[in-house]
Amino acid sequence: MSTIAIFGAGSWGTALAQSFASYGHQVMLWARNSKQVDAMQATRLNAHYLSGIHLHENIQFLTDIEQTAGADYSLIAVPTQAQRAFLEANKARFSGCEPLINVAKGLEADSGKRLSTIYTEVLGDVEGRYVVLYGPSHAEEVGRNMPTALVAAAKDEGLAAQVQKDLMNENLRLYTTDDVTGVELGGALKNIIALAIGMTIGLGYGDNARAALMTRGLAEISRLGVKNGANPLTFLGLTGVGDLIVTCTSSHSRNRTAGVQLGEGRTLEDVLAHMGMVVEGVPTTKAAYERAQASGISMPIVEHMHAVLFDKADVKEAAFDLMTRSGKSEQEDYLN
């Protein structure tokens, strides 16, 4: 069994800690908030982020990052928009040779960069150590050891296979790929579509509208992905269609929930203030829009989502504009 250091005790980091600990791994769960760590130590609950789950005795709670040294794996569950600052502040801790597993999804808002690029910029050449672990997964289910399938993506296929061998268990099935680009983009961009799906619910639209958004959203995700060198087949897998389905259809989805509230007429500022957790689809919309504009890629759903979120466009008018665009062939520019 492995020793796993997990950085970030939000819902996802805590859920993975519980999953790994339940199958014999020793887990060190690090959080910067000492009050949160004290509470978890006293109650073995993460009441704010993953309520109702008694945390396994194999989980140790820490605030001193140096105490995590020597772990077989370092798994980073810090939110996407905070990752660059986190890595810069802790370069020495991550200068070793253990695999770095990123589980946060999204694009950096200011630069539009994928997280693997940020790791390289901050830590140097870590391509041989970097793994991204994504897939259709809600923390509320993983933390209760409900069956889930994820993808371990690494440029080093041997490293992906090692992660699969060491961390897979009867309720957490892992597949492997070397398409880091496709996995990262699929995991990030589906949050934009989930926001849009939520808006249709808030507007009172039906299943037809949601089906249209999911399929045309997948076309836009694939288009941007292939333009950036991804394998188009990745978007038909767990981190494409799979992640899109779970994020767009589940009440567990923060992005979908935020979209519902926006569709009902609440302001973005009000929604974000009351969510209590990160809504990654918002900054990812900004990053994806700017990427698409710079590359000349047609992404009408993303463009209209950007207008709603950042230019205060009316949600219903944005939906009308999407529906009344000029006619297209369904396959037109699907991957180009």
Protein backbone atom coordinates (compact mmCIF):
# COMPACT_ATOMS: atom_id res chain seq x y z
CA MET A 1 0.00 0.00 0.00
CA SER A 2 1.07 3.60 -0.65
CA THR A 3 1.44 6.74 1.41
CA ILE A 4 -0.50 9.55 -0.25
CA ALA A 5 -0.24 13.24 0.60
CA ILE A 6 -3.35 15.16 -0.45
CA PHE A 7 -3.18 18.95 -0.58
CA GLY A 8 -6.52 20.66 -0.21
CA ALA A 9 -9.26 19.48 2.17
CA GLY A 10 -12.25 20.63 0.17
CA SER A 11 -14.92 18.17 -0.91
CA TRP A 12 -12.88 16.45 -3.63
CA GLY A 13 -9.62 16.16 -1.72
CA THR A 14 -11.49 14.80 1.30
CA ALA A 15 -13.48 12.32 -0.80
CA LEU A 16 -10.34 10.91 -2.42
CA ALA A 17 -8.65 10.71 0.98
CA GLN A 18 -11.58 8.65 2.23
CA SER A 19 -11.55 6.37 -0.81
CA PHE A 20 -7.82 5.65 -0.63
CA ALA A 21 -7.80 5.26 3.15
CA SER A 22 -10.72 2.84 3.03
CA TYR A 23 -8.62 0.44 0.96
CA GLY A 24 -5.52 0.45 3.13
CA HIS A 25 -3.49 3.45 1.97
CA GLN A 26 -2.02 5.83 4.54
CA VAL A 27 -3.27 9.33 3.74
CA MET A 28 -1.99 12.70 4.89
CA LEU A 29 -4.67 15.33 4.26
CA TRP A 30 -3.22 18.86 4.33
CA ALA A 31 -5.24 22.05 4.72
CA ARG A 32 -4.08 25.62 5.29
CA ASN A 33 -6.95 26.37 7.69
CA SER A 34 -5.88 25.26 11.15
CA LYS A 35 -9.42 25.55 12.55
CA GLN A 36 -10.68 23.17 9.87
CA VAL A 37 -7.89 20.70 10.65
CA ASP A 38 -8.56 20.90 14.39
CA ALA A 39 -12.26 20.23 13.78
CA MET A 40 -11.53 17.24 11.56
CA GLN A 41 -9.13 15.81 14.12
CA ALA A 42 -11.69 16.23 16.90
CA THR A 43 -14.74 14.91 15.06
CA ARG A 44 -13.37 12.98 12.07
CA LEU A 45 -15.86 14.93 9.96
CA ASN A 46 -15.41 17.57 7.27
CA ALA A 47 -18.74 19.17 8.07
CA HIS A 48 -18.55 22.09 5.66
CA TYR A 49 -17.29 20.34 2.52
CA LEU A 50 -18.36 16.68 2.85
CA SER A 51 -20.95 16.36 5.56
CA GLY A 52 -22.23 13.09 6.94
CA ILE A 53 -19.12 11.00 6.24
CA HIS A 54 -17.02 9.69 9.13
CA LEU A 55 -13.42 9.96 7.97
CA HIS A 56 -11.29 6.81 8.05
CA GLU A 57 -8.70 6.24 10.76
CA ASN A 58 -5.99 5.93 8.06
CA ILE A 59 -6.31 9.68 7.38
CA GLN A 60 -3.97 12.03 9.22
CA PHE A 61 -4.87 15.75 9.22
CA LEU A 62 -2.05 18.28 8.86
CA THR A 63 -1.37 22.01 8.48
CA ASP A 64 2.44 21.74 8.35
CA ILE A 65 3.24 20.96 4.73
CA GLU A 66 6.73 19.74 5.60
CA GLN A 67 5.19 16.81 7.46
CA THR A 68 3.99 15.43 4.13
CA ALA A 69 7.54 14.86 2.88
CA GLY A 70 8.35 11.29 1.90
CA ALA A 71 4.92 10.43 0.48
CA ASP A 72 4.78 7.99 -2.43
CA TYR A 73 2.31 10.28 -4.21
CA SER A 74 1.49 13.98 -3.92
CA LEU A 75 -2.08 14.65 -4.98
CA ILE A 76 -3.03 18.31 -5.43
CA ALA A 77 -6.69 19.18 -4.90
CA VAL A 78 -6.20 22.93 -4.47
CA PRO A 79 -8.70 24.92 -6.61
CA THR A 80 -7.47 25.72 -10.11
CA GLN A 81 -7.28 29.50 -9.70
CA ALA A 82 -5.12 29.08 -6.56
CA GLN A 83 -2.76 26.42 -7.91
CA ARG A 84 -0.07 28.70 -9.34
CA ALA A 85 0.31 30.60 -6.05
CA PHE A 86 0.23 27.34 -4.07
CA LEU A 87 2.98 25.76 -6.18
CA GLU A 88 5.13 28.89 -6.09
CA ALA A 89 4.85 29.06 -2.31
CA ASN A 90 5.82 25.40 -1.96
CA LYS A 91 8.42 24.80 -4.67
CA ALA A 92 10.83 23.16 -2.25
CA ARG A 93 8.20 20.65 -1.12
CA PHE A 94 7.51 19.54 -4.70
CA SER A 95 11.13 19.42 -5.86
CA GLY A 96 11.44 15.69 -5.14
CA CYS A 97 10.79 12.78 -7.47
CA GLU A 98 7.37 11.46 -6.40
CA PRO A 99 4.49 11.61 -8.93
CA LEU A 100 2.39 14.79 -8.83
CA ILE A 101 -1.29 13.99 -9.35
CA ASN A 102 -3.49 16.96 -10.18
CA VAL A 103 -7.23 16.52 -9.61
CA ALA A 104 -8.41 20.14 -9.99
CA LYS A 105 -10.29 20.94 -13.20
CA GLY A 106 -10.26 24.21 -15.11
CA LEU A 107 -8.15 26.72 -17.02
CA GLU A 108 -6.24 29.56 -15.40
CA ALA A 109 -8.49 32.59 -15.86
CA ASP A 110 -5.78 35.20 -16.41
CA SER A 111 -3.74 33.21 -18.93
CA GLY A 112 -6.10 30.55 -20.28
CA LYS A 113 -3.39 27.96 -19.59
CA ARG A 114 -3.92 24.32 -18.71
CA LEU A 115 -2.68 23.15 -15.33
CA SER A 116 0.08 20.98 -16.77
CA THR A 117 1.56 24.14 -18.31
CA ILE A 118 1.41 25.92 -14.96
CA TYR A 119 3.21 23.03 -13.25
CA THR A 120 6.02 23.23 -15.81
CA GLU A 121 6.29 27.01 -15.55
CA VAL A 122 6.50 26.94 -11.76
CA LEU A 123 8.31 23.67 -10.99
CA GLY A 124 10.39 23.17 -14.13
CA ASP A 125 10.41 20.00 -16.20
CA VAL A 126 7.96 17.78 -14.31
CA GLU A 127 6.34 16.19 -17.39
CA GLY A 128 7.72 12.80 -16.36
CA ARG A 129 6.10 13.13 -12.92
CA TYR A 130 2.80 14.82 -13.81
CA VAL A 131 -0.47 12.91 -13.80
CA VAL A 132 -3.98 14.30 -14.18
CA LEU A 133 -6.78 12.26 -12.60
CA TYR A 134 -10.18 13.25 -14.03
CA GLY A 135 -13.50 11.73 -14.88
CA PRO A 136 -17.23 11.76 -14.10
CA SER A 137 -17.15 11.93 -10.34
CA HIS A 138 -18.98 13.67 -7.52
CA ALA A 139 -17.23 13.92 -4.17
CA GLU A 140 -20.48 13.02 -2.40
CA GLU A 141 -20.39 9.59 -4.07
CA VAL A 142 -16.65 8.89 -4.05
CA GLY A 143 -16.52 9.73 -0.34
CA ARG A 144 -19.15 7.05 0.26
CA ASN A 145 -17.23 4.50 -1.83
CA MET A 146 -19.85 4.35 -4.56
CA PRO A 147 -18.65 2.90 -7.92
CA THR A 148 -16.76 5.50 -10.00
CA ALA A 149 -14.46 5.39 -13.05
CA LEU A 150 -11.67 7.91 -13.67
CA VAL A 151 -8.82 8.38 -16.15
CA ALA A 152 -5.15 8.72 -15.16
CA ALA A 153 -3.47 10.72 -17.92
CA ALA A 154 0.31 11.12 -18.17
CA LYS A 155 2.79 11.68 -20.97
CA ASP A 156 4.72 8.79 -19.43
CA GLU A 157 2.41 5.84 -20.07
CA GLY A 158 4.35 3.77 -17.53
CA LEU A 159 3.56 6.34 -14.83
CA ALA A 160 -0.14 6.29 -15.70
CA ALA A 161 -0.07 2.48 -15.45
CA GLN A 162 1.69 2.72 -12.07
CA VAL A 163 -0.99 5.04 -10.71
CA GLN A 164 -3.66 2.71 -12.05
CA LYS A 165 -2.06 -0.33 -10.40
CA ASP A 166 -1.45 1.34 -7.04
CA LEU A 167 -4.61 3.40 -6.55
CA MET A 168 -7.43 1.50 -8.27
CA ASN A 169 -9.83 -0.31 -5.96
CA GLU A 170 -13.15 -2.15 -6.24
CA ASN A 171 -15.11 1.11 -6.15
CA LEU A 172 -12.65 3.36 -7.98
CA ARG A 173 -11.78 2.02 -11.42
CA LEU A 174 -8.95 3.77 -13.28
CA TYR A 175 -8.22 3.83 -17.00
CA THR A 176 -5.05 5.25 -18.57
CA THR A 177 -4.16 7.53 -21.48
CA ASP A 178 -1.28 9.67 -22.64
CA ASP A 179 -3.61 12.43 -23.89
CA VAL A 180 -3.04 14.95 -21.10
CA THR A 181 -4.22 17.82 -23.30
CA GLY A 182 -7.55 16.22 -24.15
CA VAL A 183 -8.25 15.10 -20.59
CA GLU A 184 -7.46 18.53 -19.14
CA LEU A 185 -9.57 20.39 -21.71
CA GLY A 186 -12.51 18.01 -21.44
CA GLY A 187 -12.49 18.24 -17.66
CA ALA A 188 -12.32 22.03 -17.74
CA LEU A 189 -14.72 22.95 -20.55
CA LYS A 190 -17.62 20.75 -19.48
CA ASN A 191 -18.17 23.12 -16.54
CA ILE A 192 -19.16 25.88 -18.99
CA ILE A 193 -21.79 23.63 -20.54
CA ALA A 194 -23.08 22.63 -17.08
CA LEU A 195 -23.58 26.31 -16.26
CA ALA A 196 -25.55 26.70 -19.49
CA ILE A 197 -27.62 23.60 -18.74
CA GLY A 198 -28.49 25.05 -15.33
CA MET A 199 -29.62 28.27 -16.98
CA THR A 200 -32.08 26.35 -19.18
CA ILE A 201 -33.55 24.78 -16.04
CA GLY A 202 -33.84 28.19 -14.40
CA LEU A 203 -35.61 29.51 -17.51
CA GLY A 204 -38.08 26.62 -17.42
CA TYR A 205 -36.91 24.97 -20.65
CA GLY A 206 -37.14 21.22 -21.08
CA ASP A 207 -35.08 18.14 -21.86
CA ASN A 208 -34.84 19.00 -25.57
CA ALA A 209 -32.90 22.18 -24.85
CA ARG A 210 -30.57 20.37 -22.47
CA ALA A 211 -29.87 17.59 -24.98
CA ALA A 212 -29.09 20.18 -27.65
CA LEU A 213 -26.71 22.09 -25.38
CA MET A 214 -24.86 18.95 -24.29
CA THR A 215 -24.30 17.65 -27.81
CA ARG A 216 -23.43 20.99 -29.36
CA GLY A 217 -21.33 21.77 -26.30
CA LEU A 218 -19.39 18.56 -26.89
CA ALA A 219 -18.77 19.71 -30.47
CA GLU A 220 -17.25 22.96 -29.17
CA ILE A 221 -15.13 21.15 -26.58
CA SER A 222 -13.85 18.75 -29.26
CA ARG A 223 -13.14 21.60 -31.67
CA LEU A 224 -10.98 23.50 -29.20
CA GLY A 225 -9.32 20.30 -28.01
CA VAL A 226 -8.30 19.07 -31.46
CA LYS A 227 -7.01 22.56 -32.33
CA ASN A 228 -4.72 22.24 -29.30
CA GLY A 229 -3.45 18.77 -30.23
CA ALA A 230 -5.86 16.51 -28.35
CA ASN A 231 -6.98 13.11 -29.59
CA PRO A 232 -10.64 13.51 -30.72
CA LEU A 233 -11.48 10.08 -29.29
CA THR A 234 -10.73 11.39 -25.78
CA PHE A 235 -13.90 13.47 -25.94
CA LEU A 236 -15.97 10.32 -26.47
CA GLY A 237 -14.61 8.83 -23.25
CA LEU A 238 -14.90 9.36 -19.52
CA THR A 239 -13.34 12.82 -19.48
CA GLY A 240 -15.43 13.99 -22.43
CA VAL A 241 -18.95 12.58 -22.73
CA GLY A 242 -18.76 10.97 -19.28
CA ASP A 243 -17.79 14.10 -17.38
CA LEU A 244 -20.25 16.15 -19.42
CA ILE A 245 -23.15 13.84 -18.53
CA VAL A 246 -22.50 13.76 -14.80
CA THR A 247 -21.87 17.50 -14.48
CA CYS A 248 -24.86 18.53 -16.59
CA THR A 249 -27.44 16.15 -15.12
CA SER A 250 -26.71 15.90 -11.40
CA SER A 251 -27.98 18.06 -8.56
CA HIS A 252 -24.54 17.56 -6.96
CA SER A 253 -22.99 19.77 -9.67
CA ARG A 254 -22.05 23.22 -8.37
CA ASN A 255 -21.84 24.59 -11.92
CA ARG A 256 -25.30 23.33 -12.83
CA THR A 257 -26.71 24.66 -9.55
CA ALA A 258 -25.16 28.08 -10.13
CA GLY A 259 -26.58 28.09 -13.66
CA VAL A 260 -30.08 27.38 -12.37
CA GLN A 261 -29.89 30.40 -10.09
CA LEU A 262 -28.60 32.61 -12.90
CA GLY A 263 -31.45 31.43 -15.13
CA GLU A 264 -33.90 32.35 -12.40
CA GLY A 265 -32.63 35.92 -12.54
CA ARG A 266 -30.09 36.17 -9.72
CA THR A 267 -26.90 38.12 -10.39
CA LEU A 268 -23.57 36.37 -10.78
CA GLU A 269 -22.17 38.23 -7.77
CA ASP A 270 -25.07 37.06 -5.59
CA VAL A 271 -24.83 33.46 -6.77
CA LEU A 272 -21.08 33.21 -6.16
CA ALA A 273 -21.38 34.86 -2.74
CA HIS A 274 -23.88 32.24 -1.57
CA MET A 275 -22.46 29.07 -3.17
CA GLY A 276 -19.81 28.55 -0.48
CA MET A 277 -17.63 26.53 -2.89
CA VAL A 278 -15.78 27.23 -6.12
CA VAL A 279 -17.83 27.46 -9.34
CA GLU A 280 -14.99 26.70 -11.74
CA GLY A 281 -17.09 27.17 -14.85
CA VAL A 282 -17.10 30.94 -14.39
CA PRO A 283 -13.35 31.64 -14.74
CA THR A 284 -13.07 28.80 -17.26
CA THR A 285 -15.63 30.56 -19.47
CA LYS A 286 -13.39 33.63 -19.56
CA ALA A 287 -10.29 31.57 -20.35
CA ALA A 288 -11.99 29.46 -23.02
CA TYR A 289 -13.55 32.49 -24.69
CA GLU A 290 -10.20 34.25 -24.94
CA ARG A 291 -8.53 31.07 -26.28
CA ALA A 292 -11.21 30.68 -28.92
CA GLN A 293 -11.04 34.31 -29.97
CA ALA A 294 -7.25 34.21 -30.25
CA SER A 295 -7.35 31.02 -32.31
CA GLY A 296 -10.30 31.87 -34.53
CA ILE A 297 -12.30 28.87 -33.29
CA SER A 298 -16.09 28.99 -33.50
CA MET A 299 -17.58 28.40 -30.03
CA PRO A 300 -21.01 30.07 -30.01
CA ILE A 301 -22.17 28.56 -26.71
CA VAL A 302 -19.00 29.73 -24.99
CA GLU A 303 -19.33 33.15 -26.61
CA HIS A 304 -22.89 33.60 -25.35
CA MET A 305 -21.99 32.29 -21.89
CA HIS A 306 -19.19 34.86 -21.74
CA ALA A 307 -21.66 37.59 -22.66
CA VAL A 308 -24.06 36.52 -19.89
CA LEU A 309 -21.41 36.13 -17.19
CA PHE A 310 -19.13 39.08 -17.95
CA ASP A 311 -21.11 41.51 -20.10
CA LYS A 312 -24.41 41.13 -18.22
CA ALA A 313 -26.29 39.94 -21.30
CA ASP A 314 -29.81 38.69 -20.63
CA VAL A 315 -29.98 34.91 -20.31
CA LYS A 316 -33.17 34.50 -22.29
CA GLU A 317 -31.93 36.77 -25.07
CA ALA A 318 -28.70 34.75 -25.26
CA ALA A 319 -30.72 31.56 -25.68
CA PHE A 320 -32.79 33.24 -28.42
CA ASP A 321 -29.64 34.37 -30.22
CA LEU A 322 -28.22 30.85 -30.18
CA MET A 323 -31.45 29.40 -31.57
CA THR A 324 -31.77 31.96 -34.38
CA ARG A 325 -28.23 31.84 -35.78
CA SER A 326 -27.91 31.01 -39.47
CA GLY A 327 -28.43 27.36 -40.42
CA LYS A 328 -25.50 24.92 -40.36
CA SER A 329 -24.66 21.39 -41.34
CA GLU A 330 -24.33 19.34 -38.15
CA GLN A 331 -20.84 18.22 -39.11
CA GLU A 332 -19.72 21.67 -40.27
CA ASP A 333 -16.42 22.58 -38.59
CA TYR A 334 -17.00 19.82 -36.03
CA LEU A 335 -13.31 19.24 -35.43
CA ASN A 336 -11.75 22.16 -37.31
